[in-house]
Amino acid sequence: MMDSFIYVLTTNGVVFLISIIFWKFPPKKVNNIYGYRTPKAMQNQQIWDFANSTFNQAFLKYSGFSFLAALLLANITKGELTWQPMVLVALSILVSIIKTERALSDNFSDEGKRKK
């Protein structure tokens, strides 16, 4: 049986570490390998920079919350954690994507021009 704290460190902890790396080392240019890559985000450099900055901030915040919540959960539960930390990971990623896509729609047209 896996210890709950080790489980949280290897799921939520690793995702939080990845969010710190993304935040500290954002991608410079539009590319197909590293960064927040959706068709809208890759339209031009201005949108790319905005999308990656927005996503990285949200991802750092929500993966941090997820990590703390999972640690708290591991501390207060008597049994072994199973799916709960992974749900927190999925939610942190999903919320970050939704917030980024909303910000892109609010700030840029479908043609990739910045809205006034």
PDB file of N, CA and C in Angstrom:
ATOM      1  N   MET A   1       0.838  -1.199   0.000  1.00  0.00           N
ATOM      2  CA  MET A   1       0.000   0.000   0.000  1.00  0.00           C
ATOM      3  C   MET A   1       0.879   1.258   0.000  1.00  0.00           C
ATOM      4  N   MET A   2       0.494   2.206  -0.815  1.00  0.00           N
ATOM      5  CA  MET A   2       1.265   3.429  -0.907  1.00  0.00           C
ATOM      6  C   MET A   2       0.846   4.405   0.194  1.00  0.00           C
ATOM      7  N   ASP A   3       1.807   4.994   0.834  1.00  0.00           N
ATOM      8  CA  ASP A   3       1.538   6.000   1.842  1.00  0.00           C
ATOM      9  C   ASP A   3       0.851   7.201   1.183  1.00  0.00           C
ATOM     10  N   SER A   4      -0.168   7.740   1.841  1.00  0.00           N
ATOM     11  CA  SER A   4      -0.941   8.856   1.277  1.00  0.00           C
ATOM     12  C   SER A   4      -0.077  10.078   0.970  1.00  0.00           C
ATOM     13  N   PHE A   5       0.891  10.369   1.841  1.00  0.00           N
ATOM     14  CA  PHE A   5       1.744  11.542   1.601  1.00  0.00           C
ATOM     15  C   PHE A   5       2.638  11.353   0.385  1.00  0.00           C
ATOM     16  N   ILE A   6       3.140  10.149   0.185  1.00  0.00           N
ATOM     17  CA  ILE A   6       3.974   9.871  -0.990  1.00  0.00           C
ATOM     18  C   ILE A   6       3.130   9.975  -2.256  1.00  0.00           C
ATOM     19  N   TYR A   7       1.903   9.472  -2.182  1.00  0.00           N
ATOM     20  CA  TYR A   7       0.970   9.579  -3.311  1.00  0.00           C
ATOM     21  C   TYR A   7       0.724  11.042  -3.673  1.00  0.00           C
ATOM     22  N   VAL A   8       0.454  11.859  -2.669  1.00  0.00           N
ATOM     23  CA  VAL A   8       0.206  13.291  -2.904  1.00  0.00           C
ATOM     24  C   VAL A   8       1.460  13.970  -3.473  1.00  0.00           C
ATOM     25  N   LEU A   9       2.623  13.638  -2.946  1.00  0.00           N
ATOM     26  CA  LEU A   9       3.867  14.237  -3.449  1.00  0.00           C
ATOM     27  C   LEU A   9       4.141  13.849  -4.897  1.00  0.00           C
ATOM     28  N   THR A  10       3.816  12.610  -5.265  1.00  0.00           N
ATOM     29  CA  THR A  10       4.098  12.154  -6.628  1.00  0.00           C
ATOM     30  C   THR A  10       3.008  12.514  -7.632  1.00  0.00           C
ATOM     31  N   THR A  11       1.880  13.015  -7.168  1.00  0.00           N
ATOM     32  CA  THR A  11       0.840  13.481  -8.104  1.00  0.00           C
ATOM     33  C   THR A  11       0.749  15.001  -8.015  1.00  0.00           C
ATOM     34  N   ASN A  12       0.098  15.504  -6.997  1.00  0.00           N
ATOM     35  CA  ASN A  12      -0.119  16.940  -6.844  1.00  0.00           C
ATOM     36  C   ASN A  12       1.206  17.701  -6.703  1.00  0.00           C
ATOM     37  N   GLY A  13       2.168  17.108  -6.016  1.00  0.00           N
ATOM     38  CA  GLY A  13       3.466  17.751  -5.836  1.00  0.00           C
ATOM     39  C   GLY A  13       4.216  17.910  -7.150  1.00  0.00           C
ATOM     40  N   VAL A  14       4.190  16.866  -7.974  1.00  0.00           N
ATOM     41  CA  VAL A  14       4.868  16.923  -9.273  1.00  0.00           C
ATOM     42  C   VAL A  14       4.177  17.936 -10.190  1.00  0.00           C
ATOM     43  N   VAL A  15       2.856  17.965 -10.187  1.00  0.00           N
ATOM     44  CA  VAL A  15       2.119  18.933 -11.013  1.00  0.00           C
ATOM     45  C   VAL A  15       2.436  20.361 -10.560  1.00  0.00           C
ATOM     46  N   PHE A  16       2.516  20.579  -9.251  1.00  0.00           N
ATOM     47  CA  PHE A  16       2.879  21.907  -8.734  1.00  0.00           C
ATOM     48  C   PHE A  16       4.304  22.272  -9.164  1.00  0.00           C
ATOM     49  N   LEU A  17       5.221  21.330  -9.118  1.00  0.00           N
ATOM     50  CA  LEU A  17       6.602  21.568  -9.560  1.00  0.00           C
ATOM     51  C   LEU A  17       6.633  21.940 -11.049  1.00  0.00           C
ATOM     52  N   ILE A  18       5.854  21.229 -11.853  1.00  0.00           N
ATOM     53  CA  ILE A  18       5.770  21.543 -13.289  1.00  0.00           C
ATOM     54  C   ILE A  18       5.225  22.962 -13.493  1.00  0.00           C
ATOM     55  N   SER A  19       4.227  23.355 -12.688  1.00  0.00           N
ATOM     56  CA  SER A  19       3.665  24.708 -12.822  1.00  0.00           C
ATOM     57  C   SER A  19       4.710  25.766 -12.478  1.00  0.00           C
ATOM     58  N   ILE A  20       5.572  25.491 -11.515  1.00  0.00           N
ATOM     59  CA  ILE A  20       6.652  26.430 -11.162  1.00  0.00           C
ATOM     60  C   ILE A  20       7.636  26.547 -12.328  1.00  0.00           C
ATOM     61  N   ILE A  21       7.969  25.412 -12.945  1.00  0.00           N
ATOM     62  CA  ILE A  21       8.879  25.419 -14.095  1.00  0.00           C
ATOM     63  C   ILE A  21       8.272  26.223 -15.248  1.00  0.00           C
ATOM     64  N   PHE A  22       6.993  25.997 -15.560  1.00  0.00           N
ATOM     65  CA  PHE A  22       6.311  26.760 -16.621  1.00  0.00           C
ATOM     66  C   PHE A  22       6.313  28.250 -16.310  1.00  0.00           C
ATOM     67  N   TRP A  23       6.079  28.594 -15.043  1.00  0.00           N
ATOM     68  CA  TRP A  23       6.009  30.001 -14.628  1.00  0.00           C
ATOM     69  C   TRP A  23       7.386  30.655 -14.701  1.00  0.00           C
ATOM     70  N   LYS A  24       8.424  29.941 -14.247  1.00  0.00           N
ATOM     71  CA  LYS A  24       9.790  30.489 -14.244  1.00  0.00           C
ATOM     72  C   LYS A  24      10.409  30.527 -15.639  1.00  0.00           C
ATOM     73  N   PHE A  25      10.062  29.557 -16.479  1.00  0.00           N
ATOM     74  CA  PHE A  25      10.658  29.436 -17.815  1.00  0.00           C
ATOM     75  C   PHE A  25       9.568  29.351 -18.881  1.00  0.00           C
ATOM     76  N   PRO A  26       8.849  30.461 -19.087  1.00  0.00           N
ATOM     77  CA  PRO A  26       7.787  30.430 -20.102  1.00  0.00           C
ATOM     78  C   PRO A  26       8.398  30.311 -21.509  1.00  0.00           C
ATOM     79  N   PRO A  27       7.656  29.728 -22.438  1.00  0.00           N
ATOM     80  CA  PRO A  27       8.183  29.616 -23.805  1.00  0.00           C
ATOM     81  C   PRO A  27       8.296  30.996 -24.445  1.00  0.00           C
ATOM     82  N   LYS A  28       9.379  31.206 -25.153  1.00  0.00           N
ATOM     83  CA  LYS A  28       9.622  32.524 -25.772  1.00  0.00           C
ATOM     84  C   LYS A  28       8.855  32.689 -27.083  1.00  0.00           C
ATOM     85  N   LYS A  29       8.954  31.683 -27.942  1.00  0.00           N
ATOM     86  CA  LYS A  29       8.345  31.773 -29.274  1.00  0.00           C
ATOM     87  C   LYS A  29       7.288  30.682 -29.454  1.00  0.00           C
ATOM     88  N   VAL A  30       6.346  30.944 -30.342  1.00  0.00           N
ATOM     89  CA  VAL A  30       5.311  29.964 -30.674  1.00  0.00           C
ATOM     90  C   VAL A  30       6.008  28.696 -31.151  1.00  0.00           C
ATOM     91  N   ASN A  31       5.636  27.541 -30.561  1.00  0.00           N
ATOM     92  CA  ASN A  31       6.247  26.266 -30.947  1.00  0.00           C
ATOM     93  C   ASN A  31       5.260  25.128 -30.687  1.00  0.00           C
ATOM     94  N   ASN A  32       5.573  23.955 -31.193  1.00  0.00           N
ATOM     95  CA  ASN A  32       4.691  22.794 -31.048  1.00  0.00           C
ATOM     96  C   ASN A  32       5.103  21.857 -29.918  1.00  0.00           C
ATOM     97  N   ILE A  33       6.084  22.258 -29.100  1.00  0.00           N
ATOM     98  CA  ILE A  33       6.616  21.354 -28.090  1.00  0.00           C
ATOM     99  C   ILE A  33       6.303  21.792 -26.664  1.00  0.00           C
ATOM    100  N   TYR A  34       6.509  23.068 -26.352  1.00  0.00           N
ATOM    101  CA  TYR A  34       6.471  23.529 -24.971  1.00  0.00           C
ATOM    102  C   TYR A  34       5.598  24.771 -24.848  1.00  0.00           C
ATOM    103  N   GLY A  35       4.674  24.756 -23.893  1.00  0.00           N
ATOM    104  CA  GLY A  35       3.845  25.929 -23.645  1.00  0.00           C
ATOM    105  C   GLY A  35       2.363  25.604 -23.749  1.00  0.00           C
ATOM    106  N   TYR A  36       1.555  26.636 -23.618  1.00  0.00           N
ATOM    107  CA  TYR A  36       0.102  26.498 -23.728  1.00  0.00           C
ATOM    108  C   TYR A  36      -0.241  26.525 -25.213  1.00  0.00           C
ATOM    109  N   ARG A  37      -0.544  25.343 -25.770  1.00  0.00           N
ATOM    110  CA  ARG A  37      -0.699  25.214 -27.215  1.00  0.00           C
ATOM    111  C   ARG A  37      -2.127  24.850 -27.605  1.00  0.00           C
ATOM    112  N   THR A  38      -2.910  25.855 -27.936  1.00  0.00           N
ATOM    113  CA  THR A  38      -4.218  25.632 -28.542  1.00  0.00           C
ATOM    114  C   THR A  38      -4.197  26.404 -29.863  1.00  0.00           C
ATOM    115  N   PRO A  39      -5.090  26.064 -30.789  1.00  0.00           N
ATOM    116  CA  PRO A  39      -5.082  26.806 -32.070  1.00  0.00           C
ATOM    117  C   PRO A  39      -5.163  28.327 -31.869  1.00  0.00           C
ATOM    118  N   LYS A  40      -6.012  28.772 -30.950  1.00  0.00           N
ATOM    119  CA  LYS A  40      -6.144  30.215 -30.705  1.00  0.00           C
ATOM    120  C   LYS A  40      -4.850  30.794 -30.119  1.00  0.00           C
ATOM    121  N   ALA A  41      -4.245  30.083 -29.179  1.00  0.00           N
ATOM    122  CA  ALA A  41      -3.027  30.579 -28.525  1.00  0.00           C
ATOM    123  C   ALA A  41      -1.849  30.667 -29.496  1.00  0.00           C
ATOM    124  N   MET A  42      -1.889  29.859 -30.559  1.00  0.00           N
ATOM    125  CA  MET A  42      -0.761  29.807 -31.490  1.00  0.00           C
ATOM    126  C   MET A  42      -0.963  30.696 -32.729  1.00  0.00           C
ATOM    127  N   GLN A  43      -2.002  31.536 -32.731  1.00  0.00           N
ATOM    128  CA  GLN A  43      -2.285  32.379 -33.899  1.00  0.00           C
ATOM    129  C   GLN A  43      -1.173  33.375 -34.194  1.00  0.00           C
ATOM    130  N   ASN A  44      -0.648  34.016 -33.154  1.00  0.00           N
ATOM    131  CA  ASN A  44       0.455  34.961 -33.346  1.00  0.00           C
ATOM    132  C   ASN A  44       1.220  35.124 -32.033  1.00  0.00           C
ATOM    133  N   GLN A  45       2.341  35.832 -32.091  1.00  0.00           N
ATOM    134  CA  GLN A  45       3.221  35.962 -30.924  1.00  0.00           C
ATOM    135  C   GLN A  45       2.548  36.697 -29.767  1.00  0.00           C
ATOM    136  N   GLN A  46       1.765  37.737 -30.071  1.00  0.00           N
ATOM    137  CA  GLN A  46       1.091  38.507 -29.022  1.00  0.00           C
ATOM    138  C   GLN A  46       0.108  37.626 -28.238  1.00  0.00           C
ATOM    139  N   ILE A  47      -0.687  36.839 -28.947  1.00  0.00           N
ATOM    140  CA  ILE A  47      -1.636  35.939 -28.284  1.00  0.00           C
ATOM    141  C   ILE A  47      -0.875  34.844 -27.530  1.00  0.00           C
ATOM    142  N   TRP A  48       0.184  34.326 -28.134  1.00  0.00           N
ATOM    143  CA  TRP A  48       1.006  33.284 -27.496  1.00  0.00           C
ATOM    144  C   TRP A  48       1.535  33.765 -26.136  1.00  0.00           C
ATOM    145  N   ASP A  49       2.102  34.958 -26.128  1.00  0.00           N
ATOM    146  CA  ASP A  49       2.659  35.513 -24.884  1.00  0.00           C
ATOM    147  C   ASP A  49       1.561  35.705 -23.842  1.00  0.00           C
ATOM    148  N   PHE A  50       0.436  36.262 -24.264  1.00  0.00           N
ATOM    149  CA  PHE A  50      -0.693  36.488 -23.360  1.00  0.00           C
ATOM    150  C   PHE A  50      -1.230  35.168 -22.809  1.00  0.00           C
ATOM    151  N   ALA A  51      -1.445  34.188 -23.697  1.00  0.00           N
ATOM    152  CA  ALA A  51      -2.008  32.898 -23.296  1.00  0.00           C
ATOM    153  C   ALA A  51      -1.091  32.166 -22.325  1.00  0.00           C
ATOM    154  N   ASN A  52       0.200  32.161 -22.606  1.00  0.00           N
ATOM    155  CA  ASN A  52       1.131  31.467 -21.730  1.00  0.00           C
ATOM    156  C   ASN A  52       1.271  32.158 -20.386  1.00  0.00           C
ATOM    157  N   SER A  53       1.268  33.471 -20.375  1.00  0.00           N
ATOM    158  CA  SER A  53       1.328  34.207 -19.111  1.00  0.00           C
ATOM    159  C   SER A  53       0.077  33.941 -18.274  1.00  0.00           C
ATOM    160  N   THR A  54      -1.089  34.010 -18.915  1.00  0.00           N
ATOM    161  CA  THR A  54      -2.358  33.786 -18.223  1.00  0.00           C
ATOM    162  C   THR A  54      -2.450  32.358 -17.698  1.00  0.00           C
ATOM    163  N   PHE A  55      -2.140  31.381 -18.559  1.00  0.00           N
ATOM    164  CA  PHE A  55      -2.210  29.984 -18.145  1.00  0.00           C
ATOM    165  C   PHE A  55      -1.217  29.692 -17.022  1.00  0.00           C
ATOM    166  N   ASN A  56       0.014  30.154 -17.168  1.00  0.00           N
ATOM    167  CA  ASN A  56       1.041  29.844 -16.174  1.00  0.00           C
ATOM    168  C   ASN A  56       0.683  30.397 -14.794  1.00  0.00           C
ATOM    169  N   GLN A  57       0.121  31.608 -14.740  1.00  0.00           N
ATOM    170  CA  GLN A  57      -0.300  32.176 -13.455  1.00  0.00           C
ATOM    171  C   GLN A  57      -1.440  31.373 -12.845  1.00  0.00           C
ATOM    172  N   ALA A  58      -2.432  31.041 -13.657  1.00  0.00           N
ATOM    173  CA  ALA A  58      -3.580  30.266 -13.162  1.00  0.00           C
ATOM    174  C   ALA A  58      -3.134  28.870 -12.734  1.00  0.00           C
ATOM    175  N   PHE A  59      -2.286  28.228 -13.539  1.00  0.00           N
ATOM    176  CA  PHE A  59      -1.816  26.873 -13.249  1.00  0.00           C
ATOM    177  C   PHE A  59      -1.011  26.841 -11.954  1.00  0.00           C
ATOM    178  N   LEU A  60      -0.167  27.840 -11.751  1.00  0.00           N
ATOM    179  CA  LEU A  60       0.617  27.930 -10.518  1.00  0.00           C
ATOM    180  C   LEU A  60      -0.314  28.045  -9.308  1.00  0.00           C
ATOM    181  N   LYS A  61      -1.296  28.929  -9.414  1.00  0.00           N
ATOM    182  CA  LYS A  61      -2.238  29.154  -8.305  1.00  0.00           C
ATOM    183  C   LYS A  61      -3.076  27.906  -8.015  1.00  0.00           C
ATOM    184  N   TYR A  62      -3.697  27.349  -9.025  1.00  0.00           N
ATOM    185  CA  TYR A  62      -4.614  26.228  -8.800  1.00  0.00           C
ATOM    186  C   TYR A  62      -3.895  24.912  -8.494  1.00  0.00           C
ATOM    187  N   SER A  63      -2.714  24.705  -9.061  1.00  0.00           N
ATOM    188  CA  SER A  63      -1.973  23.490  -8.703  1.00  0.00           C
ATOM    189  C   SER A  63      -1.425  23.617  -7.282  1.00  0.00           C
ATOM    190  N   GLY A  64      -1.127  24.844  -6.850  1.00  0.00           N
ATOM    191  CA  GLY A  64      -0.719  25.076  -5.459  1.00  0.00           C
ATOM    192  C   GLY A  64      -1.852  24.774  -4.499  1.00  0.00           C
ATOM    193  N   PHE A  65      -3.057  25.268  -4.830  1.00  0.00           N
ATOM    194  CA  PHE A  65      -4.246  24.961  -4.013  1.00  0.00           C
ATOM    195  C   PHE A  65      -4.488  23.454  -3.968  1.00  0.00           C
ATOM    196  N   SER A  66      -4.360  22.807  -5.126  1.00  0.00           N
ATOM    197  CA  SER A  66      -4.572  21.367  -5.237  1.00  0.00           C
ATOM    198  C   SER A  66      -3.589  20.603  -4.353  1.00  0.00           C
ATOM    199  N   PHE A  67      -2.331  21.026  -4.377  1.00  0.00           N
ATOM    200  CA  PHE A  67      -1.287  20.381  -3.580  1.00  0.00           C
ATOM    201  C   PHE A  67      -1.586  20.525  -2.081  1.00  0.00           C
ATOM    202  N   LEU A  68      -1.919  21.758  -1.672  1.00  0.00           N
ATOM    203  CA  LEU A  68      -2.229  21.999  -0.253  1.00  0.00           C
ATOM    204  C   LEU A  68      -3.479  21.219   0.184  1.00  0.00           C
ATOM    205  N   ALA A  69      -4.497  21.219  -0.662  1.00  0.00           N
ATOM    206  CA  ALA A  69      -5.741  20.498  -0.328  1.00  0.00           C
ATOM    207  C   ALA A  69      -5.479  18.997  -0.214  1.00  0.00           C
ATOM    208  N   ALA A  70      -4.672  18.458  -1.113  1.00  0.00           N
ATOM    209  CA  ALA A  70      -4.359  17.027  -1.074  1.00  0.00           C
ATOM    210  C   ALA A  70      -3.526  16.681   0.161  1.00  0.00           C
ATOM    211  N   LEU A  71      -2.592  17.566   0.519  1.00  0.00           N
ATOM    212  CA  LEU A  71      -1.808  17.336   1.747  1.00  0.00           C
ATOM    213  C   LEU A  71      -2.713  17.352   2.966  1.00  0.00           C
ATOM    214  N   LEU A  72      -3.638  18.300   3.000  1.00  0.00           N
ATOM    215  CA  LEU A  72      -4.599  18.385   4.099  1.00  0.00           C
ATOM    216  C   LEU A  72      -5.459  17.124   4.151  1.00  0.00           C
ATOM    217  N   LEU A  73      -5.921  16.695   2.990  1.00  0.00           N
ATOM    218  CA  LEU A  73      -6.730  15.481   2.891  1.00  0.00           C
ATOM    219  C   LEU A  73      -5.951  14.260   3.393  1.00  0.00           C
ATOM    220  N   ALA A  74      -4.685  14.159   2.994  1.00  0.00           N
ATOM    221  CA  ALA A  74      -3.843  13.041   3.430  1.00  0.00           C
ATOM    222  C   ALA A  74      -3.645  13.069   4.946  1.00  0.00           C
ATOM    223  N   ASN A  75      -3.635  14.265   5.506  1.00  0.00           N
ATOM    224  CA  ASN A  75      -3.435  14.434   6.944  1.00  0.00           C
ATOM    225  C   ASN A  75      -4.680  14.076   7.758  1.00  0.00           C
ATOM    226  N   ILE A  76      -5.863  14.389   7.226  1.00  0.00           N
ATOM    227  CA  ILE A  76      -7.089  14.183   8.017  1.00  0.00           C
ATOM    228  C   ILE A  76      -7.787  12.853   7.753  1.00  0.00           C
ATOM    229  N   THR A  77      -7.480  12.195   6.622  1.00  0.00           N
ATOM    230  CA  THR A  77      -8.150  10.913   6.353  1.00  0.00           C
ATOM    231  C   THR A  77      -7.460   9.779   7.090  1.00  0.00           C
ATOM    232  N   LYS A  78      -8.266   8.869   7.547  1.00  0.00           N
ATOM    233  CA  LYS A  78      -7.736   7.693   8.263  1.00  0.00           C
ATOM    234  C   LYS A  78      -7.336   6.605   7.268  1.00  0.00           C
ATOM    235  N   GLY A  79      -8.101   6.478   6.203  1.00  0.00           N
ATOM    236  CA  GLY A  79      -7.821   5.440   5.201  1.00  0.00           C
ATOM    237  C   GLY A  79      -6.823   5.916   4.162  1.00  0.00           C
ATOM    238  N   GLU A  80      -6.648   5.105   3.150  1.00  0.00           N
ATOM    239  CA  GLU A  80      -5.724   5.444   2.078  1.00  0.00           C
ATOM    240  C   GLU A  80      -6.451   6.264   1.015  1.00  0.00           C
ATOM    241  N   LEU A  81      -5.764   7.267   0.491  1.00  0.00           N
ATOM    242  CA  LEU A  81      -6.337   8.072  -0.591  1.00  0.00           C
ATOM    243  C   LEU A  81      -6.275   7.260  -1.886  1.00  0.00           C
ATOM    244  N   THR A  82      -7.306   7.391  -2.701  1.00  0.00           N
ATOM    245  CA  THR A  82      -7.305   6.682  -3.983  1.00  0.00           C
ATOM    246  C   THR A  82      -7.427   7.687  -5.122  1.00  0.00           C
ATOM    247  N   TRP A  83      -8.629   8.096  -5.453  1.00  0.00           N
ATOM    248  CA  TRP A  83      -8.875   8.960  -6.606  1.00  0.00           C
ATOM    249  C   TRP A  83      -8.852  10.450  -6.262  1.00  0.00           C
ATOM    250  N   GLN A  84      -8.952  10.819  -5.003  1.00  0.00           N
ATOM    251  CA  GLN A  84      -9.121  12.219  -4.611  1.00  0.00           C
ATOM    252  C   GLN A  84      -7.983  13.146  -5.082  1.00  0.00           C
ATOM    253  N   PRO A  85      -6.707  12.790  -4.875  1.00  0.00           N
ATOM    254  CA  PRO A  85      -5.643  13.685  -5.357  1.00  0.00           C
ATOM    255  C   PRO A  85      -5.656  13.874  -6.868  1.00  0.00           C
ATOM    256  N   MET A  86      -6.001  12.806  -7.611  1.00  0.00           N
ATOM    257  CA  MET A  86      -6.038  12.926  -9.071  1.00  0.00           C
ATOM    258  C   MET A  86      -7.179  13.827  -9.537  1.00  0.00           C
ATOM    259  N   VAL A  87      -8.289  13.818  -8.817  1.00  0.00           N
ATOM    260  CA  VAL A  87      -9.396  14.725  -9.141  1.00  0.00           C
ATOM    261  C   VAL A  87      -8.938  16.174  -8.935  1.00  0.00           C
ATOM    262  N   LEU A  88      -8.208  16.414  -7.864  1.00  0.00           N
ATOM    263  CA  LEU A  88      -7.688  17.767  -7.608  1.00  0.00           C
ATOM    264  C   LEU A  88      -6.721  18.201  -8.713  1.00  0.00           C
ATOM    265  N   VAL A  89      -5.882  17.288  -9.187  1.00  0.00           N
ATOM    266  CA  VAL A  89      -4.962  17.577 -10.297  1.00  0.00           C
ATOM    267  C   VAL A  89      -5.767  17.931 -11.552  1.00  0.00           C
ATOM    268  N   ALA A  90      -6.739  17.096 -11.889  1.00  0.00           N
ATOM    269  CA  ALA A  90      -7.557  17.328 -13.086  1.00  0.00           C
ATOM    270  C   ALA A  90      -8.292  18.657 -13.005  1.00  0.00           C
ATOM    271  N   LEU A  91      -8.858  18.961 -11.831  1.00  0.00           N
ATOM    272  CA  LEU A  91      -9.567  20.234 -11.656  1.00  0.00           C
ATOM    273  C   LEU A  91      -8.625  21.424 -11.807  1.00  0.00           C
ATOM    274  N   SER A  92      -7.427  21.339 -11.262  1.00  0.00           N
ATOM    275  CA  SER A  92      -6.494  22.472 -11.377  1.00  0.00           C
ATOM    276  C   SER A  92      -6.121  22.733 -12.836  1.00  0.00           C
ATOM    277  N   ILE A  93      -5.936  21.657 -13.609  1.00  0.00           N
ATOM    278  CA  ILE A  93      -5.615  21.821 -15.031  1.00  0.00           C
ATOM    279  C   ILE A  93      -6.822  22.354 -15.798  1.00  0.00           C
ATOM    280  N   LEU A  94      -7.988  21.759 -15.542  1.00  0.00           N
ATOM    281  CA  LEU A  94      -9.213  22.166 -16.231  1.00  0.00           C
ATOM    282  C   LEU A  94      -9.571  23.629 -15.958  1.00  0.00           C
ATOM    283  N   VAL A  95      -9.523  24.034 -14.710  1.00  0.00           N
ATOM    284  CA  VAL A  95      -9.852  25.426 -14.360  1.00  0.00           C
ATOM    285  C   VAL A  95      -8.849  26.385 -15.013  1.00  0.00           C
ATOM    286  N   SER A  96      -7.574  26.019 -15.040  1.00  0.00           N
ATOM    287  CA  SER A  96      -6.556  26.872 -15.670  1.00  0.00           C
ATOM    288  C   SER A  96      -6.823  27.034 -17.163  1.00  0.00           C
ATOM    289  N   ILE A  97      -7.200  25.953 -17.833  1.00  0.00           N
ATOM    290  CA  ILE A  97      -7.507  26.011 -19.273  1.00  0.00           C
ATOM    291  C   ILE A  97      -8.746  26.869 -19.512  1.00  0.00           C
ATOM    292  N   ILE A  98      -9.798  26.651 -18.737  1.00  0.00           N
ATOM    293  CA  ILE A  98     -11.040  27.417 -18.914  1.00  0.00           C
ATOM    294  C   ILE A  98     -10.793  28.901 -18.690  1.00  0.00           C
ATOM    295  N   LYS A  99     -10.063  29.247 -17.635  1.00  0.00           N
ATOM    296  CA  LYS A  99      -9.767  30.659 -17.360  1.00  0.00           C
ATOM    297  C   LYS A  99      -8.937  31.279 -18.483  1.00  0.00           C
ATOM    298  N   THR A 100      -7.987  30.529 -19.014  1.00  0.00           N
ATOM    299  CA  THR A 100      -7.143  31.042 -20.098  1.00  0.00           C
ATOM    300  C   THR A 100      -7.959  31.248 -21.371  1.00  0.00           C
ATOM    301  N   GLU A 101      -8.788  30.270 -21.715  1.00  0.00           N
ATOM    302  CA  GLU A 101      -9.614  30.396 -22.926  1.00  0.00           C
ATOM    303  C   GLU A 101     -10.597  31.560 -22.809  1.00  0.00           C
ATOM    304  N   ARG A 102     -11.160  31.753 -21.616  1.00  0.00           N
ATOM    305  CA  ARG A 102     -12.055  32.898 -21.390  1.00  0.00           C
ATOM    306  C   ARG A 102     -11.317  34.216 -21.564  1.00  0.00           C
ATOM    307  N   ALA A 103     -10.103  34.293 -20.996  1.00  0.00           N
ATOM    308  CA  ALA A 103      -9.299  35.514 -21.119  1.00  0.00           C
ATOM    309  C   ALA A 103      -8.934  35.776 -22.581  1.00  0.00           C
ATOM    310  N   LEU A 104      -8.624  34.719 -23.336  1.00  0.00           N
ATOM    311  CA  LEU A 104      -8.322  34.886 -24.761  1.00  0.00           C
ATOM    312  C   LEU A 104      -9.533  35.425 -25.511  1.00  0.00           C
ATOM    313  N   SER A 105     -10.718  34.856 -25.237  1.00  0.00           N
ATOM    314  CA  SER A 105     -11.945  35.323 -25.904  1.00  0.00           C
ATOM    315  C   SER A 105     -12.280  36.762 -25.519  1.00  0.00           C
ATOM    316  N   ASP A 106     -12.015  37.124 -24.267  1.00  0.00           N
ATOM    317  CA  ASP A 106     -12.300  38.487 -23.808  1.00  0.00           C
ATOM    318  C   ASP A 106     -11.335  39.518 -24.399  1.00  0.00           C
ATOM    319  N   ASN A 107     -10.115  39.108 -24.734  1.00  0.00           N
ATOM    320  CA  ASN A 107      -9.085  40.053 -25.145  1.00  0.00           C
ATOM    321  C   ASN A 107      -8.708  40.018 -26.620  1.00  0.00           C
ATOM    322  N   PHE A 108      -9.081  38.951 -27.334  1.00  0.00           N
ATOM    323  CA  PHE A 108      -8.702  38.831 -28.745  1.00  0.00           C
ATOM    324  C   PHE A 108      -9.878  38.369 -29.593  1.00  0.00           C
ATOM    325  N   SER A 109      -9.937  38.900 -30.821  1.00  0.00           N
ATOM    326  CA  SER A 109     -10.983  38.484 -31.758  1.00  0.00           C
ATOM    327  C   SER A 109     -10.608  37.113 -32.323  1.00  0.00           C
ATOM    328  N   ASP A 110     -11.549  36.492 -33.041  1.00  0.00           N
ATOM    329  CA  ASP A 110     -11.275  35.207 -33.675  1.00  0.00           C
ATOM    330  C   ASP A 110     -10.179  35.314 -34.746  1.00  0.00           C
ATOM    331  N   GLU A 111      -9.999  36.515 -35.257  1.00  0.00           N
ATOM    332  CA  GLU A 111      -8.961  36.737 -36.289  1.00  0.00           C
ATOM    333  C   GLU A 111      -7.598  36.986 -35.648  1.00  0.00           C
ATOM    334  N   GLY A 112      -7.541  37.059 -34.325  1.00  0.00           N
ATOM    335  CA  GLY A 112      -6.263  37.237 -33.654  1.00  0.00           C
ATOM    336  C   GLY A 112      -5.893  38.685 -33.366  1.00  0.00           C
ATOM    337  N   LYS A 113      -6.856  39.573 -33.520  1.00  0.00           N
ATOM    338  CA  LYS A 113      -6.593  40.996 -33.227  1.00  0.00           C
ATOM    339  C   LYS A 113      -7.001  41.306 -31.784  1.00  0.00           C
ATOM    340  N   ARG A 114      -6.235  42.164 -31.126  1.00  0.00           N
ATOM    341  CA  ARG A 114      -6.560  42.537 -29.760  1.00  0.00           C
ATOM    342  C   ARG A 114      -7.809  43.404 -29.751  1.00  0.00           C
ATOM    343  N   LYS A 115      -8.737  43.074 -28.841  1.00  0.00           N
ATOM    344  CA  LYS A 115      -9.974  43.848 -28.709  1.00  0.00           C
ATOM    345  C   LYS A 115      -9.662  45.143 -27.963  1.00  0.00           C
ATOM    346  N   LYS A 116     -10.396  46.170 -28.288  1.00  0.00           N
ATOM    347  CA  LYS A 116     -10.167  47.485 -27.651  1.00  0.00           C
ATOM    348  C   LYS A 116     -10.575  47.472 -26.207  1.00  0.00           C
TER     349      LYS A 116
END
